[in-house]
């Protein structure tokens, strides 16, 4: 079976699809809030973080704890200190996904569309060593509403000059999958056996390893 055999662009989510940082960000966020004397459980923070933009995460934090309200990008710098401590001894790369990106970049433009801050995307691209494979990337500063709103993917398609139906999206979260489908794109969901389970029912293709995409669907 082949789906969308001649895509003109590939749009990749970042966290949970190419690198595994959301677990680290959840831990960092939880420890930061505990350091501020906030009584909050890890599961709640995890729900705030998974598949969502930084601005949406901040909205939830500020609604629950108004006294923590700050500029979202300044808060990102604060929490990033906790994140770096979590990441010190961890290889966050999802190697098979990165290999697929490298292969697909030889056939069509590849773009990262993430809810993370641009600074964190830049660092992730360096860690993955794929700067030469990425046409451009979009972060939370580049579009007004995070996933599941489709605006991020639509912005990428428009900038590429490609119709949404000619794009293939790679995602891991329910919010990201819905975002891609609402954009009118083909969506490939990554559902790794050891990851937090997400609703992938809207995806066109569900794979446990993105290595399988190249062999089966192109």
N, C-alpha and C. Protein backbone atom coordinates (compact mmCIF):
# COMPACT_ATOMS: atom_id res chain seq x y z
N UNK A 1 0.84 -1.21 0.00
CA UNK A 1 0.00 0.00 0.00
C UNK A 1 0.87 1.25 0.00
N UNK A 2 0.52 2.20 -0.85
CA UNK A 2 1.25 3.47 -0.87
C UNK A 2 0.26 4.61 -0.64
N UNK A 3 0.69 5.61 0.11
CA UNK A 3 -0.14 6.76 0.41
C UNK A 3 0.58 8.02 -0.04
N UNK A 4 -0.11 8.85 -0.84
CA UNK A 4 0.50 10.10 -1.31
C UNK A 4 1.89 9.83 -1.89
N UNK A 5 1.99 9.10 -3.03
CA UNK A 5 3.28 8.63 -3.51
C UNK A 5 4.21 9.72 -4.01
N UNK A 6 3.69 10.91 -4.28
CA UNK A 6 4.56 11.98 -4.79
C UNK A 6 4.42 13.25 -3.95
N UNK A 7 4.68 13.17 -2.64
CA UNK A 7 4.60 14.38 -1.81
C UNK A 7 5.63 15.41 -2.25
N UNK A 8 5.25 16.66 -2.12
CA UNK A 8 6.15 17.75 -2.49
C UNK A 8 6.88 18.33 -1.30
N UNK A 9 6.47 17.93 -0.08
CA UNK A 9 7.13 18.42 1.13
C UNK A 9 6.85 17.47 2.28
N UNK A 10 7.80 17.40 3.20
CA UNK A 10 7.65 16.61 4.41
C UNK A 10 7.78 17.54 5.62
N UNK A 11 6.79 17.51 6.49
CA UNK A 11 6.75 18.39 7.66
C UNK A 11 6.88 17.54 8.92
N UNK A 12 7.93 17.76 9.67
CA UNK A 12 8.23 16.97 10.85
C UNK A 12 7.94 17.73 12.13
N UNK A 13 7.20 17.10 13.03
CA UNK A 13 7.18 17.55 14.42
C UNK A 13 8.58 17.29 14.99
N UNK A 14 8.87 17.88 16.14
CA UNK A 14 10.20 17.69 16.74
C UNK A 14 10.14 16.77 17.96
N UNK A 15 9.56 17.27 19.05
CA UNK A 15 9.57 16.54 20.31
C UNK A 15 8.70 15.29 20.23
N UNK A 16 9.31 14.15 20.48
CA UNK A 16 8.59 12.89 20.43
C UNK A 16 8.61 12.23 19.07
N UNK A 17 9.03 12.98 18.05
CA UNK A 17 9.09 12.46 16.68
C UNK A 17 10.53 12.31 16.21
N UNK A 18 11.33 13.36 16.38
CA UNK A 18 12.74 13.31 16.00
C UNK A 18 13.66 13.20 17.21
N UNK A 19 13.26 13.81 18.29
CA UNK A 19 14.03 13.74 19.54
C UNK A 19 13.05 13.49 20.68
N UNK A 20 13.57 12.95 21.76
CA UNK A 20 12.72 12.65 22.91
C UNK A 20 13.04 13.61 24.04
N UNK A 21 12.42 14.78 23.99
CA UNK A 21 12.69 15.79 25.01
C UNK A 21 11.49 16.09 25.90
N UNK A 22 10.30 15.69 25.48
CA UNK A 22 9.12 16.08 26.25
C UNK A 22 9.15 15.50 27.66
N UNK A 23 9.67 14.27 27.81
CA UNK A 23 9.79 13.69 29.15
C UNK A 23 10.75 14.53 29.99
N UNK A 24 11.84 14.99 29.36
CA UNK A 24 12.81 15.81 30.09
C UNK A 24 12.22 17.17 30.45
N UNK A 25 11.45 17.76 29.51
CA UNK A 25 10.82 19.05 29.79
C UNK A 25 9.76 18.91 30.89
N UNK A 26 9.03 17.81 30.88
CA UNK A 26 8.05 17.58 31.95
C UNK A 26 8.74 17.52 33.30
N UNK A 27 9.82 16.76 33.37
CA UNK A 27 10.56 16.66 34.63
C UNK A 27 11.12 18.01 35.06
N UNK A 28 11.66 18.76 34.08
CA UNK A 28 12.21 20.07 34.39
C UNK A 28 11.13 21.03 34.90
N UNK A 29 9.99 21.03 34.20
CA UNK A 29 8.89 21.90 34.61
C UNK A 29 8.39 21.55 36.00
N UNK A 30 8.26 20.25 36.26
CA UNK A 30 7.77 19.80 37.56
C UNK A 30 8.72 20.23 38.67
N UNK A 31 10.02 20.03 38.45
CA UNK A 31 11.01 20.39 39.48
C UNK A 31 11.07 21.90 39.69
N UNK A 32 10.90 22.66 38.61
CA UNK A 32 10.89 24.12 38.76
C UNK A 32 9.71 24.56 39.62
N UNK A 33 8.52 24.01 39.34
CA UNK A 33 7.35 24.41 40.11
C UNK A 33 7.45 23.97 41.57
N UNK A 34 8.02 22.79 41.80
CA UNK A 34 8.25 22.36 43.18
C UNK A 34 9.22 23.30 43.88
N UNK A 35 10.23 23.77 43.14
CA UNK A 35 11.20 24.69 43.74
C UNK A 35 10.57 26.02 44.12
N UNK A 36 9.45 26.33 43.47
CA UNK A 36 8.70 27.55 43.79
C UNK A 36 7.61 27.30 44.83
N UNK A 37 7.63 26.12 45.42
CA UNK A 37 6.70 25.80 46.50
C UNK A 37 5.30 25.44 46.03
N UNK A 38 5.15 25.01 44.77
CA UNK A 38 3.84 24.68 44.23
C UNK A 38 3.55 23.19 44.39
N UNK A 39 2.38 22.90 44.90
CA UNK A 39 1.95 21.51 45.10
C UNK A 39 1.25 21.04 43.84
N UNK A 40 1.98 20.34 42.99
CA UNK A 40 1.41 19.86 41.73
C UNK A 40 2.01 18.51 41.41
N UNK A 41 1.18 17.61 40.88
CA UNK A 41 1.66 16.27 40.60
C UNK A 41 2.28 16.19 39.19
N UNK A 42 3.13 15.23 39.01
CA UNK A 42 3.85 15.04 37.75
C UNK A 42 2.89 14.78 36.59
N UNK A 43 1.83 14.00 36.84
CA UNK A 43 0.90 13.64 35.77
C UNK A 43 0.23 14.87 35.18
N UNK A 44 -0.09 15.85 36.01
CA UNK A 44 -0.72 17.08 35.52
C UNK A 44 0.24 17.85 34.62
N UNK A 45 1.47 17.97 35.05
CA UNK A 45 2.47 18.67 34.23
C UNK A 45 2.67 17.93 32.91
N UNK A 46 2.67 16.61 32.96
CA UNK A 46 2.83 15.82 31.75
C UNK A 46 1.72 16.10 30.75
N UNK A 47 0.48 16.22 31.23
CA UNK A 47 -0.65 16.54 30.35
C UNK A 47 -0.48 17.93 29.73
N UNK A 48 0.06 18.86 30.48
CA UNK A 48 0.27 20.20 29.95
C UNK A 48 1.31 20.20 28.82
N UNK A 49 2.32 19.35 28.95
CA UNK A 49 3.49 19.43 28.06
C UNK A 49 3.31 18.65 26.77
N UNK A 50 2.78 17.43 26.84
CA UNK A 50 2.81 16.53 25.68
C UNK A 50 2.07 17.09 24.47
N UNK A 51 2.82 17.29 23.39
CA UNK A 51 2.23 17.68 22.11
C UNK A 51 1.73 19.10 22.03
N UNK A 52 2.09 19.95 22.98
CA UNK A 52 1.51 21.29 23.02
C UNK A 52 2.59 22.36 22.88
N UNK A 53 2.17 23.54 22.46
CA UNK A 53 3.12 24.63 22.26
C UNK A 53 3.53 25.22 23.61
N UNK A 54 4.67 25.89 23.61
CA UNK A 54 5.17 26.50 24.84
C UNK A 54 4.18 27.53 25.37
N UNK A 55 3.58 28.32 24.48
CA UNK A 55 2.63 29.34 24.94
C UNK A 55 1.40 28.70 25.58
N UNK A 56 0.93 27.58 25.04
CA UNK A 56 -0.22 26.89 25.63
C UNK A 56 0.14 26.33 27.00
N UNK A 57 1.36 25.80 27.12
CA UNK A 57 1.82 25.30 28.41
C UNK A 57 1.84 26.43 29.43
N UNK A 58 2.37 27.57 29.02
CA UNK A 58 2.43 28.73 29.93
C UNK A 58 1.04 29.17 30.34
N UNK A 59 0.09 29.15 29.42
CA UNK A 59 -1.29 29.54 29.76
C UNK A 59 -1.83 28.66 30.89
N UNK A 60 -1.56 27.36 30.83
CA UNK A 60 -2.03 26.45 31.88
C UNK A 60 -1.35 26.73 33.21
N UNK A 61 -0.05 26.98 33.15
CA UNK A 61 0.69 27.29 34.38
C UNK A 61 0.14 28.54 35.03
N UNK A 62 -0.05 29.60 34.24
CA UNK A 62 -0.47 30.88 34.79
C UNK A 62 -1.91 30.83 35.29
N UNK A 63 -2.74 30.01 34.64
CA UNK A 63 -4.11 29.87 35.11
C UNK A 63 -4.15 29.18 36.46
N UNK A 64 -3.31 28.18 36.64
CA UNK A 64 -3.26 27.43 37.90
C UNK A 64 -2.53 28.22 38.99
N UNK A 65 -1.46 28.91 38.59
CA UNK A 65 -0.63 29.64 39.54
C UNK A 65 -0.40 31.07 39.04
N UNK A 66 -1.36 31.97 39.23
CA UNK A 66 -1.22 33.34 38.71
C UNK A 66 0.03 34.06 39.18
N UNK A 67 0.53 33.72 40.36
CA UNK A 67 1.71 34.41 40.89
C UNK A 67 2.99 34.05 40.14
N UNK A 68 2.93 33.02 39.30
CA UNK A 68 4.09 32.64 38.49
C UNK A 68 4.11 33.34 37.14
N UNK A 69 3.10 34.14 36.86
CA UNK A 69 2.99 34.77 35.55
C UNK A 69 4.24 35.57 35.22
N UNK A 70 4.73 35.35 34.00
CA UNK A 70 5.94 36.02 33.52
C UNK A 70 5.92 36.01 32.01
N UNK A 71 6.86 36.72 31.40
CA UNK A 71 7.00 36.65 29.96
C UNK A 71 7.34 35.21 29.58
N UNK A 72 6.59 34.59 28.66
CA UNK A 72 6.83 33.18 28.33
C UNK A 72 8.25 32.87 27.90
N UNK A 73 8.89 33.75 27.16
CA UNK A 73 10.23 33.46 26.69
C UNK A 73 11.25 33.60 27.82
N UNK A 74 10.99 34.51 28.76
CA UNK A 74 11.86 34.60 29.93
C UNK A 74 11.69 33.36 30.81
N UNK A 75 10.45 32.89 30.92
CA UNK A 75 10.21 31.67 31.69
C UNK A 75 10.90 30.48 31.04
N UNK A 76 10.92 30.44 29.72
CA UNK A 76 11.60 29.35 29.01
C UNK A 76 13.07 29.30 29.40
N UNK A 77 13.70 30.46 29.52
CA UNK A 77 15.11 30.50 29.91
C UNK A 77 15.31 29.96 31.32
N UNK A 78 14.36 30.25 32.21
CA UNK A 78 14.45 29.77 33.60
C UNK A 78 14.32 28.25 33.65
N UNK A 79 13.29 27.73 32.98
CA UNK A 79 13.04 26.28 33.02
C UNK A 79 14.12 25.53 32.26
N UNK A 80 14.72 26.18 31.26
CA UNK A 80 15.76 25.53 30.47
C UNK A 80 16.95 25.11 31.34
N UNK A 81 17.22 25.87 32.40
CA UNK A 81 18.30 25.50 33.33
C UNK A 81 18.02 24.14 33.96
N UNK A 82 16.76 23.92 34.36
CA UNK A 82 16.37 22.63 34.93
C UNK A 82 16.43 21.55 33.86
N UNK A 83 16.05 21.90 32.63
CA UNK A 83 16.05 20.95 31.52
C UNK A 83 17.46 20.46 31.22
N UNK A 84 18.44 21.37 31.20
CA UNK A 84 19.81 20.97 30.90
C UNK A 84 20.34 19.98 31.94
N UNK A 85 19.91 20.15 33.19
CA UNK A 85 20.32 19.20 34.22
C UNK A 85 19.75 17.81 33.95
N UNK A 86 18.52 17.76 33.45
CA UNK A 86 17.89 16.48 33.13
C UNK A 86 18.55 15.82 31.92
N UNK A 87 19.06 16.63 30.99
CA UNK A 87 19.54 16.13 29.71
C UNK A 87 21.00 15.73 29.71
N UNK A 88 21.71 16.05 30.77
CA UNK A 88 23.16 15.92 30.79
C UNK A 88 23.66 14.56 30.30
N UNK A 89 23.07 13.48 30.79
CA UNK A 89 23.58 12.14 30.47
C UNK A 89 22.63 11.36 29.57
N UNK A 90 21.82 12.05 28.78
CA UNK A 90 20.77 11.39 28.01
C UNK A 90 20.96 11.64 26.51
N UNK A 91 20.91 10.59 25.72
CA UNK A 91 20.88 10.73 24.26
C UNK A 91 19.42 10.90 23.86
N UNK A 92 19.04 12.08 23.45
CA UNK A 92 17.63 12.38 23.19
C UNK A 92 17.24 12.12 21.74
N UNK A 93 18.15 11.67 20.90
CA UNK A 93 17.86 11.47 19.49
C UNK A 93 17.05 10.19 19.25
N UNK A 94 16.05 10.27 18.37
CA UNK A 94 15.34 9.10 17.89
C UNK A 94 15.98 8.76 16.55
N UNK A 95 16.93 7.86 16.56
CA UNK A 95 17.85 7.69 15.44
C UNK A 95 17.15 7.28 14.15
N UNK A 96 16.18 6.38 14.23
CA UNK A 96 15.52 5.92 13.00
C UNK A 96 14.71 7.05 12.36
N UNK A 97 14.12 7.92 13.18
CA UNK A 97 13.38 9.06 12.63
C UNK A 97 14.32 10.03 11.94
N UNK A 98 15.47 10.26 12.55
CA UNK A 98 16.46 11.17 11.97
C UNK A 98 16.97 10.60 10.65
N UNK A 99 17.17 9.29 10.59
CA UNK A 99 17.63 8.67 9.36
C UNK A 99 16.60 8.83 8.24
N UNK A 100 15.31 8.69 8.60
CA UNK A 100 14.27 8.90 7.60
C UNK A 100 14.29 10.34 7.09
N UNK A 101 14.44 11.29 7.98
CA UNK A 101 14.50 12.70 7.56
C UNK A 101 15.64 12.90 6.56
N UNK A 102 16.80 12.32 6.86
CA UNK A 102 17.94 12.46 5.96
C UNK A 102 17.61 11.90 4.57
N UNK A 103 16.96 10.75 4.54
CA UNK A 103 16.63 10.12 3.26
C UNK A 103 15.59 10.93 2.49
N UNK A 104 14.56 11.40 3.18
CA UNK A 104 13.50 12.14 2.50
C UNK A 104 13.98 13.50 2.01
N UNK A 105 14.94 14.09 2.72
CA UNK A 105 15.46 15.41 2.32
C UNK A 105 16.14 15.35 0.96
N UNK A 106 16.49 14.16 0.51
CA UNK A 106 17.09 14.01 -0.81
C UNK A 106 16.05 14.06 -1.92
N UNK A 107 14.77 13.95 -1.55
CA UNK A 107 13.70 13.89 -2.57
C UNK A 107 12.75 15.09 -2.53
N UNK A 108 12.64 15.77 -1.38
CA UNK A 108 11.70 16.90 -1.26
C UNK A 108 12.10 17.72 -0.04
N UNK A 109 11.66 18.99 0.02
CA UNK A 109 12.00 19.82 1.16
C UNK A 109 11.44 19.24 2.46
N UNK A 110 12.26 19.32 3.52
CA UNK A 110 11.85 18.90 4.85
C UNK A 110 11.86 20.10 5.79
N UNK A 111 10.79 20.24 6.56
CA UNK A 111 10.62 21.38 7.46
C UNK A 111 10.26 20.85 8.85
N UNK A 112 10.74 21.49 9.88
CA UNK A 112 10.33 21.17 11.25
C UNK A 112 9.29 22.19 11.68
N UNK A 113 8.14 21.71 12.14
CA UNK A 113 7.07 22.57 12.67
C UNK A 113 6.83 22.13 14.11
N UNK A 114 7.28 22.95 15.04
CA UNK A 114 7.28 22.57 16.45
C UNK A 114 6.63 23.64 17.31
N UNK A 115 6.11 23.22 18.45
CA UNK A 115 5.59 24.17 19.43
C UNK A 115 6.66 24.66 20.37
N UNK A 116 7.89 24.19 20.20
CA UNK A 116 9.00 24.62 21.04
C UNK A 116 9.51 25.99 20.60
N UNK A 117 10.30 26.60 21.46
CA UNK A 117 10.92 27.88 21.12
C UNK A 117 11.99 27.67 20.05
N UNK A 118 12.19 28.66 19.22
CA UNK A 118 13.16 28.55 18.13
C UNK A 118 14.56 28.22 18.66
N UNK A 119 14.92 28.77 19.79
CA UNK A 119 16.25 28.48 20.36
C UNK A 119 16.42 26.99 20.61
N UNK A 120 15.36 26.36 21.12
CA UNK A 120 15.44 24.92 21.42
C UNK A 120 15.44 24.10 20.13
N UNK A 121 14.74 24.57 19.11
CA UNK A 121 14.76 23.86 17.82
C UNK A 121 16.14 23.93 17.21
N UNK A 122 16.76 25.11 17.26
CA UNK A 122 18.11 25.26 16.71
C UNK A 122 19.08 24.30 17.40
N UNK A 123 18.98 24.22 18.72
CA UNK A 123 19.87 23.33 19.45
C UNK A 123 19.61 21.87 19.06
N UNK A 124 18.34 21.50 18.91
CA UNK A 124 17.99 20.13 18.54
C UNK A 124 18.54 19.79 17.16
N UNK A 125 18.46 20.73 16.22
CA UNK A 125 18.99 20.50 14.87
C UNK A 125 20.50 20.25 14.95
N UNK A 126 21.19 20.99 15.80
CA UNK A 126 22.63 20.78 15.97
C UNK A 126 22.92 19.41 16.57
N UNK A 127 22.13 19.01 17.58
CA UNK A 127 22.32 17.72 18.23
C UNK A 127 22.10 16.59 17.22
N UNK A 128 21.08 16.74 16.37
CA UNK A 128 20.78 15.72 15.37
C UNK A 128 21.75 15.75 14.20
N UNK A 129 22.41 16.88 13.97
CA UNK A 129 23.33 17.02 12.85
C UNK A 129 22.63 17.05 11.50
N UNK A 130 21.47 17.73 11.44
CA UNK A 130 20.68 17.70 10.21
C UNK A 130 20.44 19.09 9.62
N UNK A 131 21.31 20.04 9.95
CA UNK A 131 21.10 21.40 9.45
C UNK A 131 21.02 21.43 7.93
N UNK A 132 21.77 20.57 7.26
CA UNK A 132 21.79 20.54 5.80
C UNK A 132 20.55 19.88 5.22
N UNK A 133 19.72 19.26 6.07
CA UNK A 133 18.52 18.55 5.60
C UNK A 133 17.24 19.36 5.80
N UNK A 134 17.33 20.46 6.53
CA UNK A 134 16.14 21.23 6.90
C UNK A 134 16.05 22.49 6.04
N UNK A 135 14.94 22.62 5.31
CA UNK A 135 14.73 23.81 4.49
C UNK A 135 14.57 25.04 5.38
N UNK A 136 13.74 24.92 6.41
CA UNK A 136 13.59 25.93 7.46
C UNK A 136 12.82 25.29 8.60
N UNK A 137 12.65 26.02 9.68
CA UNK A 137 11.89 25.49 10.80
C UNK A 137 11.00 26.59 11.39
N UNK A 138 9.90 26.17 11.99
CA UNK A 138 8.96 27.08 12.63
C UNK A 138 8.81 26.69 14.09
N UNK A 139 8.88 27.69 14.97
CA UNK A 139 8.69 27.48 16.40
C UNK A 139 7.50 28.26 16.90
N UNK A 140 7.30 28.24 18.21
CA UNK A 140 6.11 28.86 18.79
C UNK A 140 6.03 30.35 18.53
N UNK A 141 7.18 30.98 18.26
CA UNK A 141 7.17 32.42 17.97
C UNK A 141 6.67 32.73 16.56
N UNK A 142 6.56 31.71 15.71
CA UNK A 142 6.32 31.94 14.29
C UNK A 142 4.86 31.82 13.87
N UNK A 143 4.00 31.36 14.75
CA UNK A 143 2.57 31.30 14.42
C UNK A 143 1.76 31.50 15.70
N UNK A 144 0.55 32.06 15.56
CA UNK A 144 -0.16 32.58 16.74
C UNK A 144 -0.83 31.55 17.63
N UNK A 145 -1.13 30.37 17.10
CA UNK A 145 -1.84 29.36 17.89
C UNK A 145 -1.16 28.02 17.71
N UNK A 146 -1.01 27.31 18.83
CA UNK A 146 -0.33 26.02 18.78
C UNK A 146 -1.25 24.90 18.34
N UNK A 147 -0.69 23.73 18.14
CA UNK A 147 -1.44 22.54 17.80
C UNK A 147 -2.45 22.25 18.92
N UNK A 148 -3.67 21.83 18.59
CA UNK A 148 -4.14 21.22 17.34
C UNK A 148 -4.58 22.20 16.25
N UNK A 149 -4.43 23.51 16.46
CA UNK A 149 -4.72 24.44 15.38
C UNK A 149 -3.79 24.13 14.21
N UNK A 150 -4.29 24.16 12.98
CA UNK A 150 -3.46 23.79 11.82
C UNK A 150 -2.55 24.89 11.31
N UNK A 151 -2.57 26.07 11.93
CA UNK A 151 -1.89 27.22 11.36
C UNK A 151 -0.39 26.99 11.16
N UNK A 152 0.26 26.25 12.05
CA UNK A 152 1.69 26.01 11.90
C UNK A 152 2.01 25.25 10.63
N UNK A 153 1.30 24.15 10.39
CA UNK A 153 1.53 23.36 9.18
C UNK A 153 1.13 24.13 7.93
N UNK A 154 0.03 24.87 8.00
CA UNK A 154 -0.39 25.66 6.84
C UNK A 154 0.61 26.76 6.52
N UNK A 155 1.19 27.36 7.57
CA UNK A 155 2.21 28.39 7.36
C UNK A 155 3.43 27.80 6.64
N UNK A 156 3.81 26.60 7.05
CA UNK A 156 4.96 25.94 6.40
C UNK A 156 4.66 25.66 4.93
N UNK A 157 3.47 25.14 4.64
CA UNK A 157 3.11 24.85 3.25
C UNK A 157 3.08 26.12 2.40
N UNK A 158 2.50 27.16 2.96
CA UNK A 158 2.42 28.42 2.23
C UNK A 158 3.82 28.97 1.93
N UNK A 159 4.68 28.90 2.91
CA UNK A 159 6.04 29.41 2.72
C UNK A 159 6.80 28.59 1.67
N UNK A 160 6.49 27.30 1.60
CA UNK A 160 7.12 26.44 0.60
C UNK A 160 6.49 26.60 -0.78
N UNK A 161 5.28 27.17 -0.83
CA UNK A 161 4.55 27.25 -2.09
C UNK A 161 3.98 25.92 -2.51
N UNK A 162 3.60 25.10 -1.53
CA UNK A 162 3.11 23.75 -1.79
C UNK A 162 1.68 23.63 -1.25
N UNK A 163 0.79 22.96 -1.98
CA UNK A 163 -0.58 22.75 -1.52
C UNK A 163 -0.58 21.81 -0.32
N UNK A 164 -1.47 22.03 0.65
CA UNK A 164 -1.52 21.16 1.84
C UNK A 164 -1.65 19.68 1.49
N UNK A 165 -2.44 19.37 0.48
CA UNK A 165 -2.65 17.96 0.14
C UNK A 165 -1.40 17.29 -0.43
N UNK A 166 -0.39 18.08 -0.76
CA UNK A 166 0.87 17.53 -1.25
C UNK A 166 1.93 17.42 -0.16
N UNK A 167 1.51 17.61 1.10
CA UNK A 167 2.43 17.53 2.23
C UNK A 167 2.16 16.27 3.05
N UNK A 168 3.23 15.69 3.56
CA UNK A 168 3.13 14.58 4.51
C UNK A 168 3.67 15.07 5.85
N UNK A 169 2.89 14.88 6.90
CA UNK A 169 3.24 15.30 8.25
C UNK A 169 3.65 14.08 9.07
N UNK A 170 4.72 14.22 9.84
CA UNK A 170 5.14 13.18 10.79
C UNK A 170 4.93 13.73 12.20
N UNK A 171 4.11 13.05 12.97
CA UNK A 171 3.72 13.50 14.29
C UNK A 171 3.68 12.34 15.28
N UNK A 172 3.66 12.68 16.57
CA UNK A 172 3.52 11.63 17.59
C UNK A 172 2.38 11.89 18.55
N UNK A 173 1.86 13.11 18.60
CA UNK A 173 0.85 13.45 19.60
C UNK A 173 -0.53 13.58 18.98
N UNK A 174 -1.55 13.39 19.82
CA UNK A 174 -2.93 13.53 19.35
C UNK A 174 -3.18 14.94 18.83
N UNK A 175 -2.65 15.95 19.53
CA UNK A 175 -2.84 17.33 19.11
C UNK A 175 -2.16 17.58 17.76
N UNK A 176 -0.97 17.05 17.58
CA UNK A 176 -0.27 17.24 16.32
C UNK A 176 -0.92 16.52 15.16
N UNK A 177 -1.42 15.32 15.43
CA UNK A 177 -2.12 14.56 14.39
C UNK A 177 -3.36 15.32 13.93
N UNK A 178 -4.15 15.82 14.89
CA UNK A 178 -5.34 16.59 14.55
C UNK A 178 -4.96 17.85 13.78
N UNK A 179 -3.88 18.48 14.17
CA UNK A 179 -3.41 19.68 13.48
C UNK A 179 -3.13 19.38 12.01
N UNK A 180 -2.40 18.29 11.76
CA UNK A 180 -2.08 17.93 10.39
C UNK A 180 -3.30 17.59 9.56
N UNK A 181 -4.25 16.86 10.16
CA UNK A 181 -5.46 16.50 9.43
C UNK A 181 -6.31 17.72 9.13
N UNK A 182 -6.42 18.64 10.10
CA UNK A 182 -7.19 19.86 9.87
C UNK A 182 -6.54 20.74 8.81
N UNK A 183 -5.24 20.57 8.62
CA UNK A 183 -4.54 21.30 7.56
C UNK A 183 -4.77 20.67 6.20
N UNK A 184 -5.40 19.49 6.17
CA UNK A 184 -5.66 18.80 4.90
C UNK A 184 -4.47 18.01 4.39
N UNK A 185 -3.62 17.58 5.28
CA UNK A 185 -2.39 16.88 4.91
C UNK A 185 -2.47 15.40 5.27
N UNK A 186 -1.63 14.59 4.63
CA UNK A 186 -1.47 13.19 5.01
C UNK A 186 -0.64 13.15 6.29
N UNK A 187 -1.10 12.38 7.28
CA UNK A 187 -0.43 12.36 8.58
C UNK A 187 0.06 10.94 8.89
N UNK A 188 1.35 10.86 9.19
CA UNK A 188 1.97 9.62 9.64
C UNK A 188 2.23 9.77 11.14
N UNK A 189 1.66 8.88 11.93
CA UNK A 189 1.81 8.94 13.38
C UNK A 189 2.88 7.96 13.84
N UNK A 190 3.80 8.45 14.66
CA UNK A 190 4.80 7.60 15.29
C UNK A 190 4.28 7.20 16.67
N UNK A 191 4.09 5.91 16.87
CA UNK A 191 3.61 5.39 18.16
C UNK A 191 4.59 4.34 18.64
N UNK A 192 5.65 4.79 19.28
CA UNK A 192 6.69 3.86 19.73
C UNK A 192 6.20 3.05 20.93
N UNK A 193 6.59 1.79 21.01
CA UNK A 193 6.10 0.92 22.08
C UNK A 193 6.39 1.44 23.49
N UNK A 194 7.49 2.19 23.66
CA UNK A 194 7.88 2.65 24.99
C UNK A 194 7.46 4.09 25.27
N UNK A 195 6.66 4.68 24.39
CA UNK A 195 6.26 6.08 24.58
C UNK A 195 4.90 6.17 25.26
N UNK A 196 4.58 7.36 25.77
CA UNK A 196 3.26 7.60 26.35
C UNK A 196 2.23 7.49 25.23
N UNK A 197 1.22 6.67 25.42
CA UNK A 197 0.26 6.40 24.37
C UNK A 197 -0.62 7.63 24.08
N UNK A 198 -0.80 7.90 22.79
CA UNK A 198 -1.62 9.00 22.31
C UNK A 198 -2.71 8.44 21.41
N UNK A 199 -3.76 9.21 21.21
CA UNK A 199 -4.83 8.82 20.29
C UNK A 199 -4.33 9.04 18.86
N UNK A 200 -4.10 7.96 18.14
CA UNK A 200 -3.60 8.06 16.77
C UNK A 200 -4.67 7.69 15.74
N UNK A 201 -5.93 7.64 16.17
CA UNK A 201 -6.99 7.12 15.31
C UNK A 201 -7.22 7.98 14.07
N UNK A 202 -6.87 9.26 14.11
CA UNK A 202 -7.10 10.13 12.95
C UNK A 202 -5.97 10.05 11.92
N UNK A 203 -4.88 9.44 12.28
CA UNK A 203 -3.72 9.38 11.37
C UNK A 203 -4.01 8.48 10.17
N UNK A 204 -3.40 8.81 9.05
CA UNK A 204 -3.52 7.97 7.85
C UNK A 204 -2.68 6.71 7.97
N UNK A 205 -1.54 6.84 8.64
CA UNK A 205 -0.61 5.73 8.83
C UNK A 205 -0.11 5.78 10.26
N UNK A 206 -0.03 4.64 10.93
CA UNK A 206 0.53 4.56 12.28
C UNK A 206 1.69 3.57 12.25
N UNK A 207 2.86 4.02 12.70
CA UNK A 207 4.06 3.19 12.68
C UNK A 207 4.72 3.20 14.05
N UNK A 208 5.32 2.08 14.42
CA UNK A 208 6.09 2.01 15.65
C UNK A 208 7.51 2.52 15.44
N UNK A 209 7.94 2.59 14.21
CA UNK A 209 9.29 3.05 13.87
C UNK A 209 9.21 3.70 12.49
N UNK A 210 9.71 4.93 12.38
CA UNK A 210 9.60 5.63 11.10
C UNK A 210 10.49 5.03 10.02
N UNK A 211 11.40 4.16 10.38
CA UNK A 211 12.17 3.44 9.37
C UNK A 211 11.25 2.70 8.41
N UNK A 212 10.11 2.27 8.91
CA UNK A 212 9.18 1.48 8.09
C UNK A 212 8.51 2.32 7.01
N UNK A 213 8.50 3.63 7.16
CA UNK A 213 7.83 4.49 6.18
C UNK A 213 8.53 4.43 4.83
N UNK A 214 9.84 4.52 4.83
CA UNK A 214 10.59 4.58 3.58
C UNK A 214 10.36 3.33 2.73
N UNK A 215 10.38 2.17 3.39
CA UNK A 215 10.26 0.92 2.65
C UNK A 215 8.84 0.65 2.16
N UNK A 216 7.84 1.08 2.94
CA UNK A 216 6.46 0.67 2.67
C UNK A 216 5.66 1.70 1.90
N UNK A 217 5.92 2.97 2.14
CA UNK A 217 5.01 4.00 1.61
C UNK A 217 5.63 4.94 0.60
N UNK A 218 6.86 4.68 0.15
CA UNK A 218 7.47 5.52 -0.88
C UNK A 218 7.96 4.64 -2.03
